[in-house]
Amino acid sequence: MTCSVLSCRIYICMPPNTKLNVLRRFQVRNPNPDPSGSPSTQFPRCFPRIFQLVANFRFTGFLNPKSLVTPLPKGKTTATGGNYTAIPGHEAPRGSGASVRTRAEAAGRSRGAMEWERRLRGRLAARRAPKKSEQELKDEEMELFTRYYMEWKGGKTSGNTSYTNIPRFYYRLPAEDEVLLQKLREESRAVFLQRKSRELLDNEELQNLWFLLDKHQTSPMIGEEAMINYENFLKVGEKAGPKCKQFFTAKIFAKLLHNDPYGRISIMQFFNYVMRKVWLHQTRIGLSLYDVAGQGYLRESDLENYILELIPTLPQLDGLEKSFYSFYVCTAVRKFFFFLDPLRTGKIKIQDILACSFLDDLLELRDEELSKESQETNWFSAPSALRVYGQYLNLDKDHNGMLSKEELSRYGTGTLTNIFLDRVFQECLTYDGEMDYKTYLDFVLALENRKEPAALQYVFKLLDIENKGHLNVFSLNYFFRAIQEQMKIHGQEPVSFQDVKDEIFDMVKPKDPYKISLQDLINSSQGDTVTSILIDLNGFWTYENREVLVASDNDNTADVDDA
């Protein structure tokens, strides 16, 4: 039988009156001892007499009944007429003719018994050992799983063991209370940026590069523009020094190569290319100094600090009072975040800042001779910032620093519909039902740049009253009814919605003929016209009378030419 309990009594089935010598390591105990003190040879009365008590001991695990061999009495042989089969602890009876094979088998069985005893003791010792922690159990479980999985897979490992040497690619950012680690990170980043800055060309090296290019120009010249062929291009690269080596490659030469019959490039174009690259790297390093997290992006506060420290270096902003600096910084930063952070995550990639033209417009203010027209069209100029802030102050009639819906209704020509203004205050961030300066800047940027995807996304969110991600006939009719009401107020005859709806779908040409998505508006290049028709009476009037306005403009142009 097989037994799996901790404590048991083992009974072996054998013929009656058969004696069995028990190994000394097992203590024979009779649960019903003889009162006379005779040896424990009695049987429990609850068992038949064919059972004899062998041992009473503690063990863990399973016992194979085949390992228990019934010995034969002395002087008897096996049923096959052969030899006596010994068990551990029994010697072969004399005169039985036991062979060498019998003794070898007996020795093997003795070793098996000793092995069984060793395992039994190990199991008992394991039970007495202290319990492993939960983490140790998990580690052991993972180790066993890995080993068994590899065995199941055939135990084959890849010949390429480079995966064991994969470098560490994730580094945890220091916590706020880890001051020492934060200081170490800041210092290491500063040293890294300084090293990158030293790798850039300075003014003297740029002047030397221009001198070498001019010296190695290849004739003939095209007008007044100096040219250089590839052979001289490589010569200049060898003489310019190691810092310039990255610019003198066949790839860059091919990029700048146009339809020159002699296979040359313009020296001025190449030099401007180098200047642009150097400027981009310098600006990248400058912006990275404000990247507190060191993750390649700037938060709103980081960009505010950058622009605030940049103001003294811009001659076109010398006339600004220091009390206006905070409003100017807010005005400048909002344009970056409105167009470069459409998901409103609160951070912008430095690469996106370098790729857009906003930084060029901002740094254009270094030009002391910037024209008045350029200043008026530049959002970052002092006149533009003062204009936007002045409009905000004029709308704020109660002078509480916030704009209500009634105050905002006078924005521009004052022809924005009430339904659209309701949606603005429903969707945008307000404080007790009033709009602050930051929210107002987003509003202005959206309405002044309606052709831009970010502006269309802003207005589309307001038009999508059902939050379905598209505009259907119901949404268009909902907003156009306010236009019809304003037309009645101004004494104009309302236009049929069906006609306007058909014109809108004809202009946009959406993929689905029954609804317009944001992407449909962007792809159609008619998003500014569609939004103006739905939210602004003046915009609808301009669209409705577009043919008359075009004819009037042509007449004015002809009169100027005649004069």
Protein backbone atom coordinates (compact mmCIF):
# COMPACT_ATOMS: atom_id res chain seq x y z
CA MET A 1 0.00 0.00 0.00
CA THR A 2 1.01 3.64 -0.43
CA CYS A 3 0.87 5.91 2.61
CA SER A 4 1.06 9.69 2.70
CA VAL A 5 0.27 10.54 6.32
CA LEU A 6 2.79 11.92 8.78
CA SER A 7 2.44 9.21 11.39
CA CYS A 8 1.33 5.68 10.74
CA ARG A 9 1.71 2.09 11.68
CA ILE A 10 2.79 -0.26 8.87
CA TYR A 11 1.38 -3.78 8.69
CA ILE A 12 2.80 -6.28 6.24
CA CYS A 13 0.81 -9.18 4.94
CA MET A 14 2.62 -12.49 5.51
CA PRO A 15 1.82 -16.09 6.47
CA PRO A 16 0.98 -16.72 10.08
CA ASN A 17 3.71 -17.62 12.56
CA THR A 18 6.40 -15.97 10.35
CA LYS A 19 9.17 -14.21 12.23
CA LEU A 20 10.76 -11.02 10.89
CA ASN A 21 13.91 -9.36 12.21
CA VAL A 22 13.38 -5.59 12.14
CA LEU A 23 16.23 -3.20 11.46
CA ARG A 24 17.58 -1.55 14.53
CA ARG A 25 16.79 1.90 13.23
CA PHE A 26 13.08 1.11 13.56
CA GLN A 27 11.70 0.68 17.07
CA VAL A 28 9.01 -1.99 17.30
CA ARG A 29 6.15 -0.87 19.46
CA ASN A 30 3.03 -2.83 20.31
CA PRO A 31 0.06 -0.57 20.94
CA ASN A 32 -1.23 -3.28 23.35
CA PRO A 33 1.86 -4.39 25.38
CA ASP A 34 1.90 -7.64 27.25
CA PRO A 35 1.36 -7.03 31.02
CA SER A 36 3.75 -9.84 31.82
CA GLY A 37 6.62 -7.93 30.19
CA SER A 38 7.30 -10.49 27.44
CA PRO A 39 8.63 -9.24 24.05
CA SER A 40 6.24 -7.31 21.87
CA THR A 41 5.04 -10.12 19.69
CA GLN A 42 1.33 -9.73 20.17
CA PHE A 43 -1.03 -8.54 17.42
CA PRO A 44 -3.64 -5.82 17.83
CA ARG A 45 -6.93 -7.50 18.39
CA CYS A 46 -8.62 -5.32 15.79
CA PHE A 47 -6.48 -6.84 12.99
CA PRO A 48 -6.42 -10.42 11.61
CA ARG A 49 -3.58 -12.63 12.70
CA ILE A 50 -2.04 -12.57 9.23
CA PHE A 51 -0.82 -8.98 9.99
CA GLN A 52 2.24 -8.38 12.08
CA LEU A 53 3.29 -5.00 13.44
CA VAL A 54 6.63 -4.01 12.00
CA ALA A 55 7.31 -0.40 12.97
CA ASN A 56 5.82 2.80 14.20
CA PHE A 57 7.69 5.83 12.87
CA ARG A 58 7.22 9.33 11.40
CA PHE A 59 7.98 10.12 7.75
CA THR A 60 7.03 12.49 4.95
CA GLY A 61 6.25 11.44 1.42
CA PHE A 62 5.24 8.17 -0.20
CA LEU A 63 6.35 4.66 0.52
CA ASN A 64 6.70 2.15 -2.29
CA PRO A 65 5.34 -1.17 -1.07
CA LYS A 66 7.51 -3.05 -3.57
CA SER A 67 10.56 -2.07 -1.56
CA LEU A 68 9.37 -4.21 1.32
CA VAL A 69 10.42 -7.83 0.70
CA THR A 70 9.00 -10.73 2.61
CA PRO A 71 11.87 -12.85 3.93
CA LEU A 72 11.76 -16.62 3.89
CA PRO A 73 12.30 -18.72 6.96
CA LYS A 74 15.69 -20.31 7.47
CA GLY A 75 16.29 -23.44 5.57
CA LYS A 76 13.70 -22.72 2.89
CA THR A 77 14.13 -21.76 -0.72
CA THR A 78 12.07 -19.79 -3.16
CA ALA A 79 9.24 -21.29 -5.11
CA THR A 80 11.43 -21.37 -8.19
CA GLY A 81 13.80 -23.67 -6.39
CA GLY A 82 16.44 -21.02 -6.36
CA ASN A 83 18.23 -18.98 -3.82
CA TYR A 84 17.29 -17.05 -0.77
CA THR A 85 16.52 -13.41 -1.44
CA ALA A 86 17.99 -11.25 1.30
CA ILE A 87 16.76 -7.96 2.61
CA PRO A 88 18.75 -5.20 4.34
CA GLY A 89 19.82 -6.30 7.79
CA HIS A 90 19.55 -10.05 7.04
CA GLU A 91 22.40 -12.35 6.22
CA ALA A 92 22.06 -15.19 3.83
CA PRO A 93 21.39 -18.40 5.79
CA ARG A 94 24.25 -20.81 5.94
CA GLY A 95 23.94 -23.84 3.80
CA SER A 96 21.40 -22.25 1.53
CA GLY A 97 23.75 -22.10 -1.43
CA ALA A 98 23.42 -18.33 -1.85
CA SER A 99 25.37 -17.16 -4.88
CA VAL A 100 27.50 -14.08 -5.44
CA ARG A 101 24.62 -12.56 -7.34
CA THR A 102 22.41 -12.88 -4.31
CA ARG A 103 24.90 -11.02 -2.14
CA ALA A 104 25.25 -8.24 -4.77
CA GLU A 105 21.52 -7.83 -4.87
CA ALA A 106 21.45 -7.68 -1.09
CA ALA A 107 24.12 -5.01 -1.08
CA GLY A 108 22.18 -3.00 -3.68
CA ARG A 109 19.07 -3.21 -1.60
CA SER A 110 21.04 -2.06 1.42
CA ARG A 111 22.25 1.03 -0.46
CA GLY A 112 18.68 1.73 -1.58
CA ALA A 113 17.51 1.60 2.00
CA MET A 114 20.25 4.03 3.05
CA GLU A 115 19.29 6.40 0.24
CA TRP A 116 15.67 6.16 1.29
CA GLU A 117 16.70 6.98 4.85
CA ARG A 118 18.77 10.00 3.68
CA ARG A 119 15.84 11.41 1.73
CA LEU A 120 13.55 10.87 4.67
CA ARG A 121 15.89 12.79 6.97
CA GLY A 122 16.17 15.59 4.37
CA ARG A 123 12.41 15.91 4.20
CA LEU A 124 12.20 16.12 7.96
CA ALA A 125 14.94 18.75 8.08
CA ALA A 126 13.18 20.78 5.40
CA ARG A 127 10.04 20.83 7.49
CA ARG A 128 11.95 22.19 10.47
CA ALA A 129 13.70 24.90 8.37
CA PRO A 130 12.39 28.49 8.69
CA LYS A 131 9.75 29.51 6.17
CA LYS A 132 10.93 31.44 3.13
CA SER A 133 9.76 34.98 2.49
CA GLU A 134 7.24 35.73 -0.21
CA GLN A 135 9.92 37.26 -2.43
CA GLU A 136 12.18 34.21 -2.05
CA LEU A 137 9.28 31.96 -2.99
CA LYS A 138 8.56 34.07 -6.07
CA ASP A 139 12.24 33.98 -7.11
CA GLU A 140 12.36 30.24 -6.65
CA GLU A 141 9.15 29.84 -8.61
CA MET A 142 10.52 31.94 -11.46
CA GLU A 143 13.78 29.97 -11.47
CA LEU A 144 11.91 26.67 -11.64
CA PHE A 145 9.62 27.97 -14.35
CA THR A 146 12.57 29.13 -16.43
CA ARG A 147 14.37 25.83 -16.02
CA TYR A 148 11.31 23.71 -16.86
CA TYR A 149 10.44 25.97 -19.77
CA MET A 150 13.91 25.62 -21.24
CA GLU A 151 13.72 21.87 -20.79
CA TRP A 152 10.33 21.87 -22.50
CA LYS A 153 11.79 23.89 -25.36
CA GLY A 154 14.49 21.29 -25.72
CA GLY A 155 17.12 23.04 -23.67
CA LYS A 156 18.45 24.83 -26.73
CA THR A 157 19.86 28.34 -26.34
CA SER A 158 20.63 30.79 -29.06
CA GLY A 159 24.16 30.83 -30.33
CA ASN A 160 24.21 34.59 -29.98
CA THR A 161 24.39 35.41 -26.26
CA SER A 162 24.65 39.16 -26.73
CA TYR A 163 21.25 39.52 -25.08
CA THR A 164 22.97 38.90 -21.76
CA ASN A 165 25.01 42.07 -22.23
CA ILE A 166 22.23 44.51 -23.15
CA PRO A 167 23.21 47.86 -21.63
CA ARG A 168 20.92 49.59 -19.21
CA PHE A 169 18.61 51.96 -21.05
CA TYR A 170 16.23 53.15 -18.33
CA TYR A 171 17.30 55.38 -15.47
CA ARG A 172 14.84 56.42 -12.82
CA LEU A 173 14.52 60.14 -12.23
CA PRO A 174 15.49 61.25 -8.72
CA ALA A 175 12.62 61.89 -6.34
CA GLU A 176 12.03 65.31 -4.82
CA ASP A 177 13.56 64.28 -1.50
CA GLU A 178 16.72 62.87 -3.16
CA VAL A 179 18.55 66.18 -3.15
CA LEU A 180 22.01 64.73 -3.71
CA LEU A 181 20.93 62.74 -6.77
CA GLN A 182 19.19 65.79 -8.21
CA LYS A 183 22.33 67.90 -7.80
CA LEU A 184 24.42 65.16 -9.40
CA ARG A 185 22.05 64.98 -12.35
CA GLU A 186 22.06 68.74 -12.83
CA GLU A 187 25.85 68.96 -12.70
CA SER A 188 26.35 66.06 -15.11
CA ARG A 189 23.87 67.59 -17.59
CA ALA A 190 25.61 70.96 -17.34
CA VAL A 191 29.00 69.36 -18.07
CA PHE A 192 27.51 67.46 -21.01
CA LEU A 193 25.97 70.61 -22.51
CA GLN A 194 29.21 72.52 -22.05
CA ARG A 195 31.09 69.82 -23.93
CA LYS A 196 28.55 69.93 -26.75
CA SER A 197 28.84 73.72 -26.86
CA ARG A 198 32.62 73.53 -27.26
CA GLU A 199 32.15 71.26 -30.28
CA LEU A 200 30.35 74.04 -32.18
CA LEU A 201 32.03 76.56 -34.47
CA ASP A 202 32.68 79.97 -32.91
CA ASN A 203 32.75 83.30 -34.78
CA GLU A 204 36.46 83.14 -35.53
CA GLU A 205 36.17 79.64 -36.99
CA LEU A 206 33.20 80.69 -39.10
CA GLN A 207 35.15 83.64 -40.49
CA ASN A 208 38.05 81.32 -41.30
CA LEU A 209 35.65 78.96 -43.08
CA TRP A 210 34.28 81.79 -45.19
CA PHE A 211 37.81 82.88 -46.10
CA LEU A 212 38.73 79.34 -47.24
CA LEU A 213 35.55 78.98 -49.30
CA ASP A 214 36.11 82.29 -51.00
CA LYS A 215 39.73 81.38 -51.72
CA HIS A 216 38.80 78.06 -53.37
CA GLN A 217 35.89 79.25 -55.47
CA THR A 218 35.60 77.74 -58.93
CA SER A 219 35.16 79.90 -62.02
CA PRO A 220 33.18 80.94 -63.89
CA MET A 221 30.90 82.88 -61.55
CA ILE A 222 27.15 83.00 -62.11
CA GLY A 223 26.46 86.68 -61.92
CA GLU A 224 27.89 87.81 -58.61
CA GLU A 225 27.44 84.45 -56.90
CA ALA A 226 30.64 82.48 -56.18
CA MET A 227 30.58 78.72 -56.86
CA ILE A 228 32.73 75.78 -55.79
CA ASN A 229 33.13 72.30 -57.26
CA TYR A 230 33.42 69.04 -55.36
CA GLU A 231 37.21 68.80 -55.61
CA ASN A 232 37.79 72.20 -54.04
CA PHE A 233 34.97 71.47 -51.62
CA LEU A 234 36.96 68.54 -50.21
CA LYS A 235 40.14 70.62 -50.05
CA VAL A 236 38.40 73.24 -47.93
CA GLY A 237 37.12 70.47 -45.67
CA GLU A 238 40.66 69.25 -45.02
CA LYS A 239 41.93 72.74 -44.18
CA ALA A 240 38.93 73.90 -42.13
CA GLY A 241 39.67 71.68 -39.14
CA PRO A 242 38.00 68.75 -37.36
CA LYS A 243 34.94 70.74 -36.24
CA CYS A 244 33.95 71.37 -39.86
CA LYS A 245 34.43 67.79 -41.01
CA GLN A 246 30.75 66.94 -40.50
CA PHE A 247 29.69 69.55 -43.08
CA PHE A 248 32.02 68.45 -45.90
CA THR A 249 30.31 65.25 -47.02
CA ALA A 250 29.08 64.08 -50.40
CA LYS A 251 25.53 63.96 -49.04
CA ILE A 252 25.47 67.65 -48.12
CA PHE A 253 27.12 68.60 -51.43
CA ALA A 254 24.43 66.66 -53.32
CA LYS A 255 21.65 68.35 -51.32
CA LEU A 256 22.89 71.79 -52.32
CA LEU A 257 23.63 70.83 -55.93
CA HIS A 258 21.17 72.35 -58.39
CA ASN A 259 21.16 72.69 -62.16
CA ASP A 260 24.69 73.98 -62.48
CA PRO A 261 26.28 72.84 -65.78
CA TYR A 262 29.68 72.47 -64.10
CA GLY A 263 28.46 70.43 -61.12
CA ARG A 264 29.09 73.17 -58.55
CA ILE A 265 27.25 74.54 -55.53
CA SER A 266 26.80 78.08 -54.31
CA ILE A 267 29.32 79.12 -51.64
CA MET A 268 26.76 81.42 -50.05
CA GLN A 269 24.14 78.67 -49.83
CA PHE A 270 26.62 76.29 -48.26
CA PHE A 271 27.79 78.87 -45.74
CA ASN A 272 24.19 79.71 -44.82
CA TYR A 273 23.56 76.00 -44.35
CA VAL A 274 26.49 75.76 -41.92
CA MET A 275 25.32 78.88 -40.09
CA ARG A 276 21.82 77.47 -39.77
CA LYS A 277 23.11 74.18 -38.38
CA VAL A 278 25.33 75.92 -35.85
CA TRP A 279 22.46 78.17 -34.80
CA LEU A 280 20.11 75.21 -34.33
CA HIS A 281 22.63 73.39 -32.14
CA GLN A 282 23.30 76.51 -30.10
CA THR A 283 19.58 77.07 -29.59
CA ARG A 284 19.06 73.41 -28.70
CA ILE A 285 21.74 73.66 -26.04
CA GLY A 286 20.26 76.93 -24.78
CA LEU A 287 16.77 75.42 -24.47
CA SER A 288 18.13 72.28 -22.84
CA LEU A 289 19.51 74.37 -20.00
CA TYR A 290 15.90 75.10 -19.02
CA ASP A 291 14.83 71.46 -19.30
CA VAL A 292 14.61 70.73 -15.59
CA ALA A 293 13.46 67.12 -16.05
CA GLY A 294 16.14 66.42 -18.66
CA GLN A 295 13.65 64.52 -20.85
CA GLY A 296 13.83 66.66 -23.99
CA TYR A 297 10.77 68.81 -23.41
CA LEU A 298 9.89 72.11 -21.75
CA ARG A 299 7.04 72.75 -19.40
CA GLU A 300 5.15 76.02 -19.40
CA SER A 301 7.19 77.39 -16.49
CA ASP A 302 10.45 76.37 -18.22
CA LEU A 303 9.54 78.22 -21.42
CA GLU A 304 8.43 81.26 -19.42
CA ASN A 305 11.86 81.42 -17.74
CA TYR A 306 13.59 81.11 -21.12
CA ILE A 307 11.62 83.96 -22.72
CA LEU A 308 11.89 86.15 -19.61
CA GLU A 309 15.69 85.91 -19.70
CA LEU A 310 15.67 86.41 -23.47
CA ILE A 311 13.84 89.77 -23.35
CA PRO A 312 16.94 91.91 -22.53
CA THR A 313 18.72 90.50 -25.61
CA LEU A 314 15.96 91.63 -28.02
CA PRO A 315 16.39 95.31 -29.03
CA GLN A 316 12.81 95.52 -30.35
CA LEU A 317 11.52 94.96 -26.80
CA ASP A 318 13.58 97.70 -25.17
CA GLY A 319 10.52 99.94 -24.92
CA LEU A 320 8.54 97.50 -22.77
CA GLU A 321 8.09 98.38 -19.13
CA LYS A 322 9.16 95.75 -16.61
CA SER A 323 5.66 95.73 -15.15
CA PHE A 324 4.43 94.41 -18.51
CA TYR A 325 7.03 91.61 -18.71
CA SER A 326 4.75 89.00 -17.09
CA PHE A 327 1.92 89.75 -19.56
CA TYR A 328 4.32 89.68 -22.49
CA VAL A 329 5.78 86.34 -21.40
CA CYS A 330 2.28 84.90 -21.02
CA THR A 331 1.32 86.17 -24.49
CA ALA A 332 4.42 84.67 -26.10
CA VAL A 333 4.24 81.32 -24.31
CA ARG A 334 0.58 80.77 -25.18
CA LYS A 335 1.33 80.75 -28.90
CA PHE A 336 3.89 77.98 -28.43
CA PHE A 337 1.56 75.84 -26.36
CA PHE A 338 -1.58 76.51 -28.42
CA PHE A 339 -0.03 75.25 -31.65
CA LEU A 340 2.61 72.76 -30.39
CA ASP A 341 0.63 71.11 -27.60
CA PRO A 342 -2.72 70.20 -29.19
CA LEU A 343 -3.40 67.47 -26.60
CA ARG A 344 -2.86 69.96 -23.77
CA THR A 345 -0.26 67.84 -21.99
CA GLY A 346 1.47 70.88 -20.51
CA LYS A 347 4.82 70.24 -22.18
CA ILE A 348 6.43 70.71 -25.61
CA LYS A 349 9.28 68.81 -27.21
CA ILE A 350 12.40 70.89 -27.80
CA GLN A 351 12.61 69.38 -31.29
CA ASP A 352 9.14 70.75 -32.09
CA ILE A 353 10.17 74.21 -30.92
CA LEU A 354 13.21 74.12 -33.21
CA ALA A 355 11.23 72.76 -36.16
CA CYS A 356 8.53 75.44 -36.12
CA SER A 357 8.99 79.06 -37.18
CA PHE A 358 7.91 80.59 -33.87
CA LEU A 359 11.43 80.76 -32.48
CA ASP A 360 12.61 82.45 -35.68
CA ASP A 361 9.88 85.05 -35.28
CA LEU A 362 10.88 85.63 -31.67
CA LEU A 363 14.58 85.96 -32.43
CA GLU A 364 13.75 88.22 -35.39
CA LEU A 365 13.28 90.92 -32.77
CA ARG A 366 17.08 91.13 -32.48
CA ASP A 367 17.04 93.11 -35.71
CA GLU A 368 17.15 96.77 -34.72
CA GLU A 369 15.93 97.83 -38.19
CA LEU A 370 12.87 95.59 -38.33
CA SER A 371 10.14 97.25 -40.40
CA LYS A 372 6.84 98.37 -38.93
CA GLU A 373 4.88 95.99 -41.16
CA SER A 374 6.94 93.03 -39.93
CA GLN A 375 6.35 94.07 -36.32
CA GLU A 376 2.59 94.23 -36.82
CA THR A 377 2.44 90.74 -38.30
CA ASN A 378 4.82 89.25 -35.72
CA TRP A 379 2.88 87.92 -32.72
CA PHE A 380 5.94 88.32 -30.47
CA SER A 381 6.60 91.97 -31.25
CA ALA A 382 5.85 94.67 -28.69
CA PRO A 383 3.08 96.32 -30.79
CA SER A 384 1.32 92.98 -31.26
CA ALA A 385 1.49 92.07 -27.56
CA LEU A 386 0.25 95.51 -26.55
CA ARG A 387 -2.60 95.27 -29.06
CA VAL A 388 -3.87 91.95 -27.69
CA TYR A 389 -3.56 93.04 -24.08
CA GLY A 390 -5.22 96.38 -24.86
CA GLN A 391 -8.20 94.59 -26.42
CA TYR A 392 -8.55 92.49 -23.30
CA LEU A 393 -8.58 95.57 -21.08
CA ASN A 394 -11.16 97.29 -23.31
CA LEU A 395 -13.48 94.29 -23.12
CA ASP A 396 -13.18 94.15 -19.33
CA LYS A 397 -15.80 96.78 -18.49
CA ASP A 398 -16.05 95.99 -14.77
CA HIS A 399 -12.22 95.98 -14.43
CA ASN A 400 -12.10 92.78 -12.42
CA GLY A 401 -9.41 91.25 -14.64
CA MET A 402 -11.83 88.66 -16.09
CA LEU A 403 -14.23 88.55 -19.05
CA SER A 404 -17.84 87.48 -18.83
CA LYS A 405 -19.87 86.16 -21.76
CA GLU A 406 -21.48 89.56 -22.25
CA GLU A 407 -18.09 91.30 -22.30
CA LEU A 408 -16.61 88.78 -24.74
CA SER A 409 -19.58 89.23 -27.11
CA ARG A 410 -18.12 92.61 -28.11
CA TYR A 411 -14.92 90.95 -29.41
CA GLY A 412 -13.91 92.00 -32.94
CA THR A 413 -16.91 93.30 -34.88
CA GLY A 414 -19.30 92.06 -32.19
CA THR A 415 -21.05 89.68 -34.59
CA LEU A 416 -20.24 86.32 -32.93
CA THR A 417 -23.42 84.38 -32.24
CA ASN A 418 -24.68 83.81 -28.71
CA ILE A 419 -24.84 80.04 -29.25
CA PHE A 420 -21.15 79.96 -30.15
CA LEU A 421 -20.25 82.08 -27.10
CA ASP A 422 -22.27 79.71 -24.90
CA ARG A 423 -20.19 76.82 -26.21
CA VAL A 424 -16.98 78.76 -25.52
CA PHE A 425 -17.85 79.15 -21.85
CA GLN A 426 -19.04 75.54 -21.64
CA GLU A 427 -15.88 73.96 -23.03
CA CYS A 428 -13.09 76.37 -22.06
CA LEU A 429 -11.56 76.87 -18.63
CA THR A 430 -13.41 79.57 -16.69
CA TYR A 431 -13.48 80.83 -13.13
CA ASP A 432 -16.98 81.38 -11.74
CA GLY A 433 -18.25 81.72 -15.30
CA GLU A 434 -15.59 84.24 -16.38
CA MET A 435 -12.55 83.94 -18.64
CA ASP A 436 -8.99 84.83 -17.63
CA TYR A 437 -6.21 86.20 -19.85
CA LYS A 438 -4.72 82.81 -20.77
CA THR A 439 -8.04 81.43 -21.95
CA TYR A 440 -8.65 84.66 -23.84
CA LEU A 441 -5.30 84.26 -25.63
CA ASP A 442 -6.31 80.78 -26.83
CA PHE A 443 -9.59 82.23 -28.06
CA VAL A 444 -7.81 85.00 -29.99
CA LEU A 445 -5.22 82.63 -31.48
CA ALA A 446 -7.99 80.31 -32.71
CA LEU A 447 -10.04 83.04 -34.38
CA GLU A 448 -7.07 84.86 -35.92
CA ASN A 449 -5.54 81.66 -37.38
CA ARG A 450 -8.59 79.71 -38.57
CA LYS A 451 -6.69 78.06 -41.40
CA GLU A 452 -4.26 76.34 -39.01
CA PRO A 453 -5.08 72.76 -37.90
CA ALA A 454 -4.74 73.66 -34.20
CA ALA A 455 -7.22 76.53 -34.59
CA LEU A 456 -9.65 74.34 -36.52
CA GLN A 457 -9.38 71.73 -33.77
CA TYR A 458 -10.28 74.41 -31.19
CA VAL A 459 -13.36 75.58 -33.10
CA PHE A 460 -14.41 72.06 -34.14
CA LYS A 461 -14.56 71.02 -30.49
CA LEU A 462 -17.01 73.86 -29.87
CA LEU A 463 -19.15 72.98 -32.90
CA ASP A 464 -19.32 69.29 -31.98
CA ILE A 465 -22.15 69.70 -29.47
CA GLU A 466 -22.83 65.95 -29.30
CA ASN A 467 -19.15 65.01 -28.76
CA LYS A 468 -19.33 62.43 -31.54
CA GLY A 469 -16.18 63.52 -33.37
CA HIS A 470 -18.10 64.76 -36.42
CA LEU A 471 -20.58 67.41 -37.53
CA ASN A 472 -23.92 66.26 -38.91
CA VAL A 473 -26.86 68.16 -40.32
CA PHE A 474 -28.29 68.73 -36.85
CA SER A 475 -25.07 70.39 -35.62
CA LEU A 476 -24.86 72.66 -38.66
CA ASN A 477 -28.52 73.68 -38.34
CA TYR A 478 -28.10 74.30 -34.60
CA PHE A 479 -25.42 76.96 -35.17
CA PHE A 480 -26.82 78.43 -38.40
CA ARG A 481 -30.17 79.23 -36.79
CA ALA A 482 -28.35 81.85 -34.68
CA ILE A 483 -27.01 83.40 -37.90
CA GLN A 484 -30.56 83.55 -39.29
CA GLU A 485 -31.79 85.23 -36.10
CA GLN A 486 -29.07 87.89 -36.33
CA MET A 487 -29.96 88.52 -39.96
CA LYS A 488 -33.57 89.21 -38.93
CA ILE A 489 -32.37 91.61 -36.22
CA HIS A 490 -30.35 93.57 -38.80
CA GLY A 491 -33.31 93.67 -41.22
CA GLN A 492 -31.90 91.14 -43.67
CA GLU A 493 -33.81 88.29 -45.22
CA PRO A 494 -32.65 84.95 -43.77
CA VAL A 495 -30.98 82.48 -46.12
CA SER A 496 -32.33 78.96 -46.42
CA PHE A 497 -30.38 76.45 -44.33
CA GLN A 498 -30.73 73.75 -46.99
CA ASP A 499 -28.82 75.89 -49.48
CA VAL A 500 -26.05 76.65 -46.97
CA LYS A 501 -25.85 73.01 -45.90
CA ASP A 502 -25.41 71.84 -49.50
CA GLU A 503 -22.71 74.45 -50.09
CA ILE A 504 -20.81 73.39 -46.96
CA PHE A 505 -20.82 69.72 -47.97
CA ASP A 506 -19.79 70.67 -51.51
CA MET A 507 -16.86 72.69 -50.19
CA VAL A 508 -15.63 70.09 -47.70
CA LYS A 509 -16.33 66.93 -49.74
CA PRO A 510 -16.23 64.63 -46.69
CA LYS A 511 -15.58 60.91 -46.96
CA ASP A 512 -18.97 60.23 -45.39
CA PRO A 513 -21.64 62.23 -47.27
CA TYR A 514 -23.70 62.64 -44.08
CA LYS A 515 -21.10 63.93 -41.61
CA ILE A 516 -17.95 66.07 -41.53
CA SER A 517 -14.91 65.15 -39.45
CA LEU A 518 -12.08 67.38 -38.33
CA GLN A 519 -9.74 65.76 -40.81
CA ASP A 520 -12.24 66.47 -43.60
CA LEU A 521 -12.16 70.16 -42.69
CA ILE A 522 -8.36 70.23 -42.66
CA ASN A 523 -8.00 68.34 -45.95
CA SER A 524 -10.53 70.55 -47.74
CA SER A 525 -8.57 73.78 -47.02
CA GLN A 526 -12.00 75.38 -46.51
CA GLY A 527 -12.17 75.05 -42.75
CA ASP A 528 -11.82 78.77 -42.11
CA THR A 529 -14.73 79.56 -44.45
CA VAL A 530 -17.00 76.87 -42.99
CA THR A 531 -16.39 77.96 -39.39
CA SER A 532 -16.93 81.62 -40.27
CA ILE A 533 -20.30 80.80 -41.86
CA LEU A 534 -21.48 79.03 -38.69
CA ILE A 535 -20.25 81.30 -35.86
CA ASP A 536 -19.91 84.86 -37.18
CA LEU A 537 -22.53 86.94 -38.98
CA ASN A 538 -19.84 89.12 -40.51
CA GLY A 539 -18.03 86.01 -41.77
CA PHE A 540 -21.23 84.67 -43.35
CA TRP A 541 -21.96 88.04 -44.97
CA THR A 542 -18.43 88.12 -46.41
CA TYR A 543 -18.91 84.64 -47.89
CA GLU A 544 -22.37 85.42 -49.22
CA ASN A 545 -21.15 88.58 -50.99
CA ARG A 546 -17.77 87.25 -52.07
CA GLU A 547 -18.43 87.88 -55.77
CA VAL A 548 -19.37 91.51 -55.16
CA LEU A 549 -16.30 92.03 -52.98
CA VAL A 550 -14.00 90.52 -55.60
CA ALA A 551 -15.44 92.77 -58.30
CA SER A 552 -15.03 95.80 -56.04
CA ASP A 553 -11.39 94.90 -55.37
CA ASN A 554 -10.72 94.58 -59.09
CA ASP A 555 -12.24 97.98 -59.75
CA ASN A 556 -10.10 99.58 -57.05
CA THR A 557 -6.99 97.98 -58.51
CA ALA A 558 -7.82 99.27 -62.01
CA ASP A 559 -8.32 102.81 -60.66
CA VAL A 560 -4.92 102.72 -58.97
CA ASP A 561 -3.26 101.54 -62.18
CA ASP A 562 -4.90 104.32 -64.20
CA ALA A 563 -3.74 106.92 -61.73
